[in-house]
PDB file of N, CA and C in Angstrom:
ATOM      1  N   MET A   1      16.132 -13.128  24.005  1.00  0.00           N
ATOM      2  CA  MET A   1      15.825 -14.535  23.841  1.00  0.00           C
ATOM      3  C   MET A   1      14.592 -14.638  22.943  1.00  0.00           C
ATOM      4  N   GLU A   2      14.654 -15.515  21.997  1.00  0.00           N
ATOM      5  CA  GLU A   2      13.571 -15.682  21.024  1.00  0.00           C
ATOM      6  C   GLU A   2      12.383 -16.452  21.613  1.00  0.00           C
ATOM      7  N   ARG A   3      11.206 -16.148  21.101  1.00  0.00           N
ATOM      8  CA  ARG A   3       9.964 -16.794  21.536  1.00  0.00           C
ATOM      9  C   ARG A   3      10.076 -18.317  21.485  1.00  0.00           C
ATOM     10  N   GLU A   4      10.590 -18.852  20.389  1.00  0.00           N
ATOM     11  CA  GLU A   4      10.682 -20.305  20.219  1.00  0.00           C
ATOM     12  C   GLU A   4      11.595 -20.928  21.275  1.00  0.00           C
ATOM     13  N   ALA A   5      12.695 -20.254  21.597  1.00  0.00           N
ATOM     14  CA  ALA A   5      13.619 -20.760  22.618  1.00  0.00           C
ATOM     15  C   ALA A   5      12.940 -20.804  23.984  1.00  0.00           C
ATOM     16  N   ILE A   6      12.181 -19.763  24.293  1.00  0.00           N
ATOM     17  CA  ILE A   6      11.467 -19.723  25.573  1.00  0.00           C
ATOM     18  C   ILE A   6      10.407 -20.819  25.620  1.00  0.00           C
ATOM     19  N   GLU A   7       9.667 -20.984  24.548  1.00  0.00           N
ATOM     20  CA  GLU A   7       8.649 -22.038  24.508  1.00  0.00           C
ATOM     21  C   GLU A   7       9.292 -23.411  24.665  1.00  0.00           C
ATOM     22  N   ASP A   8      10.467 -23.627  24.069  1.00  0.00           N
ATOM     23  CA  ASP A   8      11.187 -24.896  24.217  1.00  0.00           C
ATOM     24  C   ASP A   8      11.621 -25.121  25.663  1.00  0.00           C
ATOM     25  N   ILE A   9      12.133 -24.076  26.299  1.00  0.00           N
ATOM     26  CA  ILE A   9      12.592 -24.200  27.689  1.00  0.00           C
ATOM     27  C   ILE A   9      11.446 -24.623  28.597  1.00  0.00           C
ATOM     28  N   PHE A  10      10.243 -24.088  28.350  1.00  0.00           N
ATOM     29  CA  PHE A  10       9.096 -24.380  29.203  1.00  0.00           C
ATOM     30  C   PHE A  10       8.207 -25.508  28.660  1.00  0.00           C
ATOM     31  N   ALA A  11       8.671 -26.246  27.689  1.00  0.00           N
ATOM     32  CA  ALA A  11       7.849 -27.295  27.067  1.00  0.00           C
ATOM     33  C   ALA A  11       7.337 -28.319  28.084  1.00  0.00           C
ATOM     34  N   ALA A  12       8.172 -28.746  29.009  1.00  0.00           N
ATOM     35  CA  ALA A  12       7.746 -29.733  30.012  1.00  0.00           C
ATOM     36  C   ALA A  12       6.771 -29.123  31.021  1.00  0.00           C
ATOM     37  N   PHE A  13       6.773 -27.805  31.171  1.00  0.00           N
ATOM     38  CA  PHE A  13       5.856 -27.087  32.062  1.00  0.00           C
ATOM     39  C   PHE A  13       4.466 -27.025  31.453  1.00  0.00           C
ATOM     40  N   GLY A  14       4.415 -26.746  30.169  1.00  0.00           N
ATOM     41  CA  GLY A  14       3.138 -26.609  29.481  1.00  0.00           C
ATOM     42  C   GLY A  14       3.161 -25.395  28.581  1.00  0.00           C
ATOM     43  N   PRO A  15       2.038 -25.113  27.929  1.00  0.00           N
ATOM     44  CA  PRO A  15       2.023 -23.991  26.989  1.00  0.00           C
ATOM     45  C   PRO A  15       2.197 -22.648  27.700  1.00  0.00           C
ATOM     46  N   VAL A  16       2.978 -21.795  27.082  1.00  0.00           N
ATOM     47  CA  VAL A  16       3.173 -20.437  27.577  1.00  0.00           C
ATOM     48  C   VAL A  16       2.946 -19.477  26.415  1.00  0.00           C
ATOM     49  N   SER A  17       2.608 -18.250  26.740  1.00  0.00           N
ATOM     50  CA  SER A  17       2.553 -17.212  25.722  1.00  0.00           C
ATOM     51  C   SER A  17       3.640 -16.205  26.057  1.00  0.00           C
ATOM     52  N   VAL A  18       4.199 -15.617  25.020  1.00  0.00           N
ATOM     53  CA  VAL A  18       5.314 -14.690  25.165  1.00  0.00           C
ATOM     54  C   VAL A  18       4.911 -13.371  24.517  1.00  0.00           C
ATOM     55  N   ARG A  19       5.033 -12.277  25.282  1.00  0.00           N
ATOM     56  CA  ARG A  19       4.651 -10.954  24.781  1.00  0.00           C
ATOM     57  C   ARG A  19       5.774  -9.953  25.033  1.00  0.00           C
ATOM     58  N   ARG A  20       5.950  -9.036  24.094  1.00  0.00           N
ATOM     59  CA  ARG A  20       6.957  -7.988  24.262  1.00  0.00           C
ATOM     60  C   ARG A  20       6.644  -7.162  25.506  1.00  0.00           C
ATOM     61  N   LEU A  21       7.722  -6.752  26.194  1.00  0.00           N
ATOM     62  CA  LEU A  21       7.553  -6.026  27.446  1.00  0.00           C
ATOM     63  C   LEU A  21       8.817  -5.227  27.749  1.00  0.00           C
ATOM     64  N   PHE A  22       8.767  -3.918  27.689  1.00  0.00           N
ATOM     65  CA  PHE A  22       9.862  -3.046  28.113  1.00  0.00           C
ATOM     66  C   PHE A  22      11.248  -3.498  27.655  1.00  0.00           C
ATOM     67  N   GLY A  23      11.430  -3.726  26.392  1.00  0.00           N
ATOM     68  CA  GLY A  23      12.740  -4.122  25.887  1.00  0.00           C
ATOM     69  C   GLY A  23      13.049  -5.593  26.094  1.00  0.00           C
ATOM     70  N   GLY A  24      12.122  -6.332  26.620  1.00  0.00           N
ATOM     71  CA  GLY A  24      12.276  -7.767  26.827  1.00  0.00           C
ATOM     72  C   GLY A  24      10.968  -8.448  26.491  1.00  0.00           C
ATOM     73  N   VAL A  25      10.709  -9.557  27.151  1.00  0.00           N
ATOM     74  CA  VAL A  25       9.451 -10.267  26.953  1.00  0.00           C
ATOM     75  C   VAL A  25       8.896 -10.740  28.286  1.00  0.00           C
ATOM     76  N   GLY A  26       7.585 -10.782  28.381  1.00  0.00           N
ATOM     77  CA  GLY A  26       6.902 -11.386  29.513  1.00  0.00           C
ATOM     78  C   GLY A  26       6.469 -12.782  29.112  1.00  0.00           C
ATOM     79  N   VAL A  27       6.554 -13.719  30.046  1.00  0.00           N
ATOM     80  CA  VAL A  27       6.148 -15.102  29.798  1.00  0.00           C
ATOM     81  C   VAL A  27       4.935 -15.380  30.680  1.00  0.00           C
ATOM     82  N   TYR A  28       3.851 -15.845  30.049  1.00  0.00           N
ATOM     83  CA  TYR A  28       2.566 -15.997  30.724  1.00  0.00           C
ATOM     84  C   TYR A  28       2.068 -17.437  30.651  1.00  0.00           C
ATOM     85  N   ALA A  29       1.372 -17.832  31.693  1.00  0.00           N
ATOM     86  CA  ALA A  29       0.623 -19.096  31.711  1.00  0.00           C
ATOM     87  C   ALA A  29      -0.732 -18.773  32.317  1.00  0.00           C
ATOM     88  N   GLY A  30      -1.792 -19.151  31.624  1.00  0.00           N
ATOM     89  CA  GLY A  30      -3.133 -18.864  32.130  1.00  0.00           C
ATOM     90  C   GLY A  30      -3.383 -17.384  32.341  1.00  0.00           C
ATOM     91  N   GLY A  31      -2.759 -16.532  31.543  1.00  0.00           N
ATOM     92  CA  GLY A  31      -2.965 -15.096  31.654  1.00  0.00           C
ATOM     93  C   GLY A  31      -2.174 -14.420  32.753  1.00  0.00           C
ATOM     94  N   VAL A  32      -1.305 -15.150  33.446  1.00  0.00           N
ATOM     95  CA  VAL A  32      -0.509 -14.605  34.546  1.00  0.00           C
ATOM     96  C   VAL A  32       0.964 -14.605  34.149  1.00  0.00           C
ATOM     97  N   MET A  33       1.622 -13.451  34.292  1.00  0.00           N
ATOM     98  CA  MET A  33       3.048 -13.376  33.983  1.00  0.00           C
ATOM     99  C   MET A  33       3.842 -13.951  35.147  1.00  0.00           C
ATOM    100  N   PHE A  34       4.617 -14.998  34.866  1.00  0.00           N
ATOM    101  CA  PHE A  34       5.412 -15.655  35.895  1.00  0.00           C
ATOM    102  C   PHE A  34       6.903 -15.622  35.589  1.00  0.00           C
ATOM    103  N   ALA A  35       7.265 -15.148  34.412  1.00  0.00           N
ATOM    104  CA  ALA A  35       8.676 -15.081  34.032  1.00  0.00           C
ATOM    105  C   ALA A  35       8.878 -13.937  33.062  1.00  0.00           C
ATOM    106  N   LEU A  36      10.128 -13.522  32.939  1.00  0.00           N
ATOM    107  CA  LEU A  36      10.451 -12.517  31.937  1.00  0.00           C
ATOM    108  C   LEU A  36      11.813 -12.832  31.342  1.00  0.00           C
ATOM    109  N   GLY A  37      11.972 -12.406  30.114  1.00  0.00           N
ATOM    110  CA  GLY A  37      13.242 -12.560  29.425  1.00  0.00           C
ATOM    111  C   GLY A  37      13.795 -11.194  29.095  1.00  0.00           C
ATOM    112  N   HIS A  38      15.078 -11.011  29.372  1.00  0.00           N
ATOM    113  CA  HIS A  38      15.716  -9.728  29.088  1.00  0.00           C
ATOM    114  C   HIS A  38      17.210  -9.944  28.894  1.00  0.00           C
ATOM    115  N   SER A  39      17.750  -9.363  27.841  1.00  0.00           N
ATOM    116  CA  SER A  39      19.192  -9.424  27.550  1.00  0.00           C
ATOM    117  C   SER A  39      19.727 -10.853  27.553  1.00  0.00           C
ATOM    118  N   GLY A  40      18.962 -11.770  26.986  1.00  0.00           N
ATOM    119  CA  GLY A  40      19.408 -13.151  26.873  1.00  0.00           C
ATOM    120  C   GLY A  40      19.260 -13.990  28.130  1.00  0.00           C
ATOM    121  N   GLU A  41      18.727 -13.418  29.189  1.00  0.00           N
ATOM    122  CA  GLU A  41      18.502 -14.135  30.451  1.00  0.00           C
ATOM    123  C   GLU A  41      17.017 -14.377  30.642  1.00  0.00           C
ATOM    124  N   LEU A  42      16.716 -15.432  31.375  1.00  0.00           N
ATOM    125  CA  LEU A  42      15.342 -15.773  31.715  1.00  0.00           C
ATOM    126  C   LEU A  42      15.206 -15.689  33.224  1.00  0.00           C
ATOM    127  N   TYR A  43      14.179 -14.996  33.699  1.00  0.00           N
ATOM    128  CA  TYR A  43      13.965 -14.747  35.125  1.00  0.00           C
ATOM    129  C   TYR A  43      12.582 -15.259  35.534  1.00  0.00           C
ATOM    130  N   LEU A  44      12.482 -15.751  36.780  1.00  0.00           N
ATOM    131  CA  LEU A  44      11.231 -16.270  37.328  1.00  0.00           C
ATOM    132  C   LEU A  44      10.752 -15.401  38.480  1.00  0.00           C
ATOM    133  N   LYS A  45       9.446 -15.208  38.597  1.00  0.00           N
ATOM    134  CA  LYS A  45       8.856 -14.496  39.728  1.00  0.00           C
ATOM    135  C   LYS A  45       9.134 -15.319  40.982  1.00  0.00           C
ATOM    136  N   ALA A  46       9.608 -14.660  42.041  1.00  0.00           N
ATOM    137  CA  ALA A  46       9.998 -15.414  43.239  1.00  0.00           C
ATOM    138  C   ALA A  46       9.562 -14.704  44.512  1.00  0.00           C
ATOM    139  N   ASP A  47       9.160 -15.500  45.482  1.00  0.00           N
ATOM    140  CA  ASP A  47       8.898 -15.001  46.828  1.00  0.00           C
ATOM    141  C   ASP A  47      10.123 -15.349  47.673  1.00  0.00           C
ATOM    142  N   ALA A  48      10.079 -15.074  48.971  1.00  0.00           N
ATOM    143  CA  ALA A  48      11.240 -15.287  49.839  1.00  0.00           C
ATOM    144  C   ALA A  48      11.723 -16.735  49.809  1.00  0.00           C
ATOM    145  N   GLU A  49      10.792 -17.679  49.829  1.00  0.00           N
ATOM    146  CA  GLU A  49      11.169 -19.098  49.830  1.00  0.00           C
ATOM    147  C   GLU A  49      11.870 -19.496  48.531  1.00  0.00           C
ATOM    148  N   LEU A  50      11.302 -19.099  47.407  1.00  0.00           N
ATOM    149  CA  LEU A  50      11.907 -19.445  46.118  1.00  0.00           C
ATOM    150  C   LEU A  50      13.219 -18.687  45.911  1.00  0.00           C
ATOM    151  N   VAL A  51      13.306 -17.453  46.393  1.00  0.00           N
ATOM    152  CA  VAL A  51      14.557 -16.703  46.300  1.00  0.00           C
ATOM    153  C   VAL A  51      15.680 -17.468  46.984  1.00  0.00           C
ATOM    154  N   CYS A  52      15.414 -18.021  48.154  1.00  0.00           N
ATOM    155  CA  CYS A  52      16.445 -18.791  48.873  1.00  0.00           C
ATOM    156  C   CYS A  52      16.947 -19.955  48.019  1.00  0.00           C
ATOM    157  N   GLN A  53      16.032 -20.670  47.394  1.00  0.00           N
ATOM    158  CA  GLN A  53      16.423 -21.800  46.544  1.00  0.00           C
ATOM    159  C   GLN A  53      17.238 -21.333  45.346  1.00  0.00           C
ATOM    160  N   LEU A  54      16.776 -20.290  44.695  1.00  0.00           N
ATOM    161  CA  LEU A  54      17.444 -19.807  43.494  1.00  0.00           C
ATOM    162  C   LEU A  54      18.798 -19.187  43.816  1.00  0.00           C
ATOM    163  N   GLU A  55      18.845 -18.399  44.859  1.00  0.00           N
ATOM    164  CA  GLU A  55      20.095 -17.737  45.244  1.00  0.00           C
ATOM    165  C   GLU A  55      21.162 -18.769  45.608  1.00  0.00           C
ATOM    166  N   ALA A  56      20.755 -19.846  46.266  1.00  0.00           N
ATOM    167  CA  ALA A  56      21.699 -20.905  46.629  1.00  0.00           C
ATOM    168  C   ALA A  56      22.294 -21.577  45.399  1.00  0.00           C
ATOM    169  N   ARG A  57      21.612 -21.460  44.286  1.00  0.00           N
ATOM    170  CA  ARG A  57      22.078 -22.075  43.032  1.00  0.00           C
ATOM    171  C   ARG A  57      22.755 -21.068  42.111  1.00  0.00           C
ATOM    172  N   GLY A  58      23.030 -19.878  42.632  1.00  0.00           N
ATOM    173  CA  GLY A  58      23.767 -18.891  41.858  1.00  0.00           C
ATOM    174  C   GLY A  58      22.923 -17.927  41.052  1.00  0.00           C
ATOM    175  N   SER A  59      21.621 -17.955  41.250  1.00  0.00           N
ATOM    176  CA  SER A  59      20.741 -17.040  40.521  1.00  0.00           C
ATOM    177  C   SER A  59      20.961 -15.605  40.989  1.00  0.00           C
ATOM    178  N   LYS A  60      20.653 -14.685  40.103  1.00  0.00           N
ATOM    179  CA  LYS A  60      20.774 -13.254  40.391  1.00  0.00           C
ATOM    180  C   LYS A  60      19.427 -12.590  40.156  1.00  0.00           C
ATOM    181  N   PRO A  61      19.146 -11.515  40.902  1.00  0.00           N
ATOM    182  CA  PRO A  61      17.877 -10.814  40.691  1.00  0.00           C
ATOM    183  C   PRO A  61      17.895 -10.002  39.405  1.00  0.00           C
ATOM    184  N   PHE A  62      16.717  -9.841  38.806  1.00  0.00           N
ATOM    185  CA  PHE A  62      16.564  -8.927  37.680  1.00  0.00           C
ATOM    186  C   PHE A  62      16.496  -7.525  38.264  1.00  0.00           C
ATOM    187  N   THR A  63      17.370  -6.653  37.804  1.00  0.00           N
ATOM    188  CA  THR A  63      17.366  -5.267  38.250  1.00  0.00           C
ATOM    189  C   THR A  63      17.521  -4.353  37.044  1.00  0.00           C
ATOM    190  N   TYR A  64      17.139  -3.112  37.231  1.00  0.00           N
ATOM    191  CA  TYR A  64      17.414  -2.093  36.229  1.00  0.00           C
ATOM    192  C   TYR A  64      17.663  -0.781  36.952  1.00  0.00           C
ATOM    193  N   GLU A  65      18.309   0.136  36.254  1.00  0.00           N
ATOM    194  CA  GLU A  65      18.632   1.412  36.860  1.00  0.00           C
ATOM    195  C   GLU A  65      17.479   2.380  36.668  1.00  0.00           C
ATOM    196  N   GLY A  66      16.872   2.768  37.781  1.00  0.00           N
ATOM    197  CA  GLY A  66      15.805   3.761  37.755  1.00  0.00           C
ATOM    198  C   GLY A  66      16.400   5.156  37.789  1.00  0.00           C
ATOM    199  N   LYS A  67      15.560   6.155  37.915  1.00  0.00           N
ATOM    200  CA  LYS A  67      16.034   7.540  37.927  1.00  0.00           C
ATOM    201  C   LYS A  67      16.936   7.833  39.118  1.00  0.00           C
ATOM    202  N   ARG A  68      16.644   7.228  40.259  1.00  0.00           N
ATOM    203  CA  ARG A  68      17.404   7.548  41.470  1.00  0.00           C
ATOM    204  C   ARG A  68      18.065   6.345  42.122  1.00  0.00           C
ATOM    205  N   SER A  69      17.720   5.142  41.690  1.00  0.00           N
ATOM    206  CA  SER A  69      18.293   3.966  42.351  1.00  0.00           C
ATOM    207  C   SER A  69      18.148   2.730  41.460  1.00  0.00           C
ATOM    208  N   ILE A  70      18.728   1.647  41.912  1.00  0.00           N
ATOM    209  CA  ILE A  70      18.585   0.360  41.244  1.00  0.00           C
ATOM    210  C   ILE A  70      17.250  -0.243  41.693  1.00  0.00           C
ATOM    211  N   VAL A  71      16.475  -0.729  40.735  1.00  0.00           N
ATOM    212  CA  VAL A  71      15.145  -1.266  41.022  1.00  0.00           C
ATOM    213  C   VAL A  71      15.149  -2.777  40.801  1.00  0.00           C
ATOM    214  N   ALA A  72      14.639  -3.520  41.769  1.00  0.00           N
ATOM    215  CA  ALA A  72      14.469  -4.975  41.655  1.00  0.00           C
ATOM    216  C   ALA A  72      12.977  -5.265  41.637  1.00  0.00           C
ATOM    217  N   LEU A  73      12.569  -6.191  40.770  1.00  0.00           N
ATOM    218  CA  LEU A  73      11.139  -6.462  40.598  1.00  0.00           C
ATOM    219  C   LEU A  73      10.673  -7.802  41.156  1.00  0.00           C
ATOM    220  N   GLY A  74      11.524  -8.532  41.837  1.00  0.00           N
ATOM    221  CA  GLY A  74      11.102  -9.816  42.382  1.00  0.00           C
ATOM    222  C   GLY A  74      11.215 -10.969  41.401  1.00  0.00           C
ATOM    223  N   TYR A  75      12.052 -10.819  40.389  1.00  0.00           N
ATOM    224  CA  TYR A  75      12.318 -11.888  39.426  1.00  0.00           C
ATOM    225  C   TYR A  75      13.780 -12.292  39.566  1.00  0.00           C
ATOM    226  N   TRP A  76      14.042 -13.600  39.551  1.00  0.00           N
ATOM    227  CA  TRP A  76      15.395 -14.128  39.701  1.00  0.00           C
ATOM    228  C   TRP A  76      15.721 -15.038  38.530  1.00  0.00           C
ATOM    229  N   SER A  77      16.982 -15.033  38.123  1.00  0.00           N
ATOM    230  CA  SER A  77      17.399 -15.805  36.951  1.00  0.00           C
ATOM    231  C   SER A  77      17.215 -17.303  37.172  1.00  0.00           C
ATOM    232  N   VAL A  78      16.892 -17.974  36.093  1.00  0.00           N
ATOM    233  CA  VAL A  78      16.808 -19.432  36.114  1.00  0.00           C
ATOM    234  C   VAL A  78      18.232 -19.956  36.260  1.00  0.00           C
ATOM    235  N   PRO A  79      18.489 -20.860  37.208  1.00  0.00           N
ATOM    236  CA  PRO A  79      19.839 -21.395  37.352  1.00  0.00           C
ATOM    237  C   PRO A  79      20.331 -22.013  36.037  1.00  0.00           C
ATOM    238  N   ALA A  80      21.576 -21.710  35.689  1.00  0.00           N
ATOM    239  CA  ALA A  80      22.133 -22.164  34.412  1.00  0.00           C
ATOM    240  C   ALA A  80      22.047 -23.682  34.266  1.00  0.00           C
ATOM    241  N   ASP A  81      22.304 -24.418  35.345  1.00  0.00           N
ATOM    242  CA  ASP A  81      22.275 -25.880  35.250  1.00  0.00           C
ATOM    243  C   ASP A  81      20.855 -26.424  35.057  1.00  0.00           C
ATOM    244  N   ALA A  82      19.858 -25.660  35.436  1.00  0.00           N
ATOM    245  CA  ALA A  82      18.470 -26.111  35.279  1.00  0.00           C
ATOM    246  C   ALA A  82      18.004 -26.010  33.833  1.00  0.00           C
ATOM    247  N   LEU A  83      18.601 -25.106  33.062  1.00  0.00           N
ATOM    248  CA  LEU A  83      18.157 -24.898  31.685  1.00  0.00           C
ATOM    249  C   LEU A  83      18.291 -26.149  30.824  1.00  0.00           C
ATOM    250  N   ASP A  84      19.165 -27.065  31.203  1.00  0.00           N
ATOM    251  CA  ASP A  84      19.354 -28.314  30.460  1.00  0.00           C
ATOM    252  C   ASP A  84      18.498 -29.457  31.001  1.00  0.00           C
ATOM    253  N   GLU A  85      17.677 -29.173  32.013  1.00  0.00           N
ATOM    254  CA  GLU A  85      16.839 -30.189  32.651  1.00  0.00           C
ATOM    255  C   GLU A  85      15.372 -29.780  32.556  1.00  0.00           C
ATOM    256  N   PRO A  86      14.654 -30.237  31.525  1.00  0.00           N
ATOM    257  CA  PRO A  86      13.265 -29.794  31.319  1.00  0.00           C
ATOM    258  C   PRO A  86      12.353 -29.970  32.529  1.00  0.00           C
ATOM    259  N   GLU A  87      12.456 -31.076  33.237  1.00  0.00           N
ATOM    260  CA  GLU A  87      11.576 -31.295  34.396  1.00  0.00           C
ATOM    261  C   GLU A  87      11.926 -30.359  35.547  1.00  0.00           C
ATOM    262  N   GLU A  88      13.197 -30.029  35.681  1.00  0.00           N
ATOM    263  CA  GLU A  88      13.604 -29.099  36.725  1.00  0.00           C
ATOM    264  C   GLU A  88      13.083 -27.692  36.427  1.00  0.00           C
ATOM    265  N   VAL A  89      13.197 -27.279  35.179  1.00  0.00           N
ATOM    266  CA  VAL A  89      12.656 -25.979  34.780  1.00  0.00           C
ATOM    267  C   VAL A  89      11.145 -25.970  34.989  1.00  0.00           C
ATOM    268  N   ALA A  90      10.496 -27.067  34.671  1.00  0.00           N
ATOM    269  CA  ALA A  90       9.044 -27.151  34.853  1.00  0.00           C
ATOM    270  C   ALA A  90       8.681 -26.980  36.328  1.00  0.00           C
ATOM    271  N   GLY A  91       9.429 -27.595  37.226  1.00  0.00           N
ATOM    272  CA  GLY A  91       9.168 -27.450  38.659  1.00  0.00           C
ATOM    273  C   GLY A  91       9.367 -26.019  39.130  1.00  0.00           C
ATOM    274  N   LEU A  92      10.441 -25.397  38.669  1.00  0.00           N
ATOM    275  CA  LEU A  92      10.684 -23.992  39.016  1.00  0.00           C
ATOM    276  C   LEU A  92       9.594 -23.095  38.443  1.00  0.00           C
ATOM    277  N   ALA A  93       9.153 -23.387  37.229  1.00  0.00           N
ATOM    278  CA  ALA A  93       8.093 -22.594  36.598  1.00  0.00           C
ATOM    279  C   ALA A  93       6.785 -22.735  37.370  1.00  0.00           C
ATOM    280  N   ARG A  94       6.474 -23.938  37.826  1.00  0.00           N
ATOM    281  CA  ARG A  94       5.249 -24.126  38.626  1.00  0.00           C
ATOM    282  C   ARG A  94       5.317 -23.305  39.912  1.00  0.00           C
ATOM    283  N   ALA A  95       6.491 -23.303  40.556  1.00  0.00           N
ATOM    284  CA  ALA A  95       6.665 -22.518  41.780  1.00  0.00           C
ATOM    285  C   ALA A  95       6.520 -21.027  41.487  1.00  0.00           C
ATOM    286  N   ALA A  96       7.128 -20.564  40.392  1.00  0.00           N
ATOM    287  CA  ALA A  96       7.042 -19.147  40.012  1.00  0.00           C
ATOM    288  C   ALA A  96       5.614 -18.758  39.663  1.00  0.00           C
ATOM    289  N   LEU A  97       4.891 -19.636  38.979  1.00  0.00           N
ATOM    290  CA  LEU A  97       3.505 -19.348  38.642  1.00  0.00           C
ATOM    291  C   LEU A  97       2.662 -19.241  39.910  1.00  0.00           C
ATOM    292  N   ALA A  98       2.894 -20.106  40.881  1.00  0.00           N
ATOM    293  CA  ALA A  98       2.153 -20.033  42.148  1.00  0.00           C
ATOM    294  C   ALA A  98       2.435 -18.707  42.856  1.00  0.00           C
ATOM    295  N   VAL A  99       3.677 -18.257  42.834  1.00  0.00           N
ATOM    296  CA  VAL A  99       4.034 -16.966  43.435  1.00  0.00           C
ATOM    297  C   VAL A  99       3.305 -15.843  42.712  1.00  0.00           C
ATOM    298  N   ALA A 100       3.334 -15.869  41.384  1.00  0.00           N
ATOM    299  CA  ALA A 100       2.679 -14.822  40.593  1.00  0.00           C
ATOM    300  C   ALA A 100       1.169 -14.819  40.811  1.00  0.00           C
ATOM    301  N   GLN A 101       0.571 -16.001  40.891  1.00  0.00           N
ATOM    302  CA  GLN A 101      -0.873 -16.082  41.124  1.00  0.00           C
ATOM    303  C   GLN A 101      -1.227 -15.542  42.510  1.00  0.00           C
ATOM    304  N   ALA A 102      -0.419 -15.861  43.517  1.00  0.00           N
ATOM    305  CA  ALA A 102      -0.670 -15.361  44.870  1.00  0.00           C
ATOM    306  C   ALA A 102      -0.541 -13.844  44.913  1.00  0.00           C
ATOM    307  N   ALA A 103       0.454 -13.311  44.234  1.00  0.00           N
ATOM    308  CA  ALA A 103       0.637 -11.858  44.196  1.00  0.00           C
ATOM    309  C   ALA A 103      -0.536 -11.190  43.493  1.00  0.00           C
ATOM    310  N   ARG A 104      -0.992 -11.805  42.433  1.00  0.00           N
ATOM    311  CA  ARG A 104      -2.131 -11.253  41.688  1.00  0.00           C
ATOM    312  C   ARG A 104      -3.398 -11.285  42.543  1.00  0.00           C
ATOM    313  N   ALA A 105      -3.631 -12.384  43.244  1.00  0.00           N
ATOM    314  CA  ALA A 105      -4.809 -12.497  44.099  1.00  0.00           C
ATOM    315  C   ALA A 105      -4.744 -11.488  45.240  1.00  0.00           C
ATOM    316  N   SER A 106      -3.572 -11.318  45.816  1.00  0.00           N
ATOM    317  CA  SER A 106      -3.403 -10.355  46.901  1.00  0.00           C
ATOM    318  C   SER A 106      -3.656  -8.942  46.406  1.00  0.00           C
ATOM    319  N   SER A 107      -3.162  -8.629  45.227  1.00  0.00           N
ATOM    320  CA  SER A 107      -3.355  -7.314  44.630  1.00  0.00           C
ATOM    321  C   SER A 107      -4.835  -7.078  44.318  1.00  0.00           C
ATOM    322  N   ALA A 108      -5.495  -8.068  43.778  1.00  0.00           N
ATOM    323  CA  ALA A 108      -6.917  -7.939  43.448  1.00  0.00           C
ATOM    324  C   ALA A 108      -7.743  -7.775  44.712  1.00  0.00           C
ATOM    325  N   HIS A 109      -7.373  -8.488  45.770  1.00  0.00           N
ATOM    326  CA  HIS A 109      -8.094  -8.375  47.039  1.00  0.00           C
ATOM    327  C   HIS A 109      -7.958  -6.960  47.588  1.00  0.00           C
ATOM    328  N   GLY A 110      -6.767  -6.384  47.510  1.00  0.00           N
ATOM    329  CA  GLY A 110      -6.540  -5.023  47.986  1.00  0.00           C
ATOM    330  C   GLY A 110      -7.329  -4.009  47.186  1.00  0.00           C
ATOM    331  N   ARG A 111      -7.418  -4.211  45.875  1.00  0.00           N
ATOM    332  CA  ARG A 111      -8.200  -3.289  45.033  1.00  0.00           C
ATOM    333  C   ARG A 111      -9.673  -3.361  45.394  1.00  0.00           C
ATOM    334  N   ARG A 112     -10.183  -4.559  45.597  1.00  0.00           N
ATOM    335  CA  ARG A 112     -11.612  -4.690  45.938  1.00  0.00           C
ATOM    336  C   ARG A 112     -11.903  -3.993  47.262  1.00  0.00           C
ATOM    337  N   ARG A 113     -11.008  -4.153  48.233  1.00  0.00           N
ATOM    338  CA  ARG A 113     -11.224  -3.537  49.534  1.00  0.00           C
ATOM    339  C   ARG A 113     -11.197  -2.010  49.406  1.00  0.00           C
ATOM    340  N   SER A 114     -10.254  -1.451  48.657  1.00  0.00           N
ATOM    341  CA  SER A 114     -10.175   0.002  48.517  1.00  0.00           C
ATOM    342  C   SER A 114     -11.367   0.548  47.739  1.00  0.00           C
ATOM    343  N   GLU A 115     -11.911  -0.224  46.826  1.00  0.00           N
ATOM    344  CA  GLU A 115     -13.100   0.219  46.090  1.00  0.00           C
ATOM    345  C   GLU A 115     -14.306   0.311  47.013  1.00  0.00           C
ATOM    346  N   ARG A 116     -14.406  -0.572  48.007  1.00  0.00           N
ATOM    347  CA  ARG A 116     -15.532  -0.542  48.946  1.00  0.00           C
ATOM    348  C   ARG A 116     -15.437   0.634  49.884  1.00  0.00           C
ATOM    349  N   VAL A 117     -14.206   1.032  50.249  1.00  0.00           N
ATOM    350  CA  VAL A 117     -14.012   2.114  51.196  1.00  0.00           C
ATOM    351  C   VAL A 117     -14.458   3.440  50.608  1.00  0.00           C
ATOM    352  N   ARG A 118     -14.291   3.622  49.337  1.00  0.00           N
ATOM    353  CA  ARG A 118     -14.637   4.901  48.695  1.00  0.00           C
ATOM    354  C   ARG A 118     -16.072   5.118  48.702  1.00  0.00           C
TER     355      ARG A 118
END
C-alpha cells in the first residue's frame, strides 16, 4: 500500500507518518506505531476489547511464518466496510493508538523497574 493511500485513509484521524518496516510499512502518530501495512492490507494494533470488535466485523490478525510457528503480533485488519467511511476509520485509529500508547507505557514502566533492580 502506498504512503499517499495510507495518509488518505487516515485523513479524518489526523496526520500520520509512514515508514518502511520489514517488507511493509509502519504507520505512526505522535511517534507511536499504531498500524502497519503489508501485502496491500492495513492492520491496527488491538487489545482484547478491540479484537472482539474487529473480529466481529470479519477482520483477520496479521501473522507471518516464523522459524518454528506462525507468529501473531497483535495487529488486526481494518474492516473492509470501514475503509470507505473516514470517520469510522478515524475512530478505529484512535482506539488502536490508545492501545499502542498503553503498550508502550507498560513496556517503558517495566524497563524502568528492571533498571532499578540491577
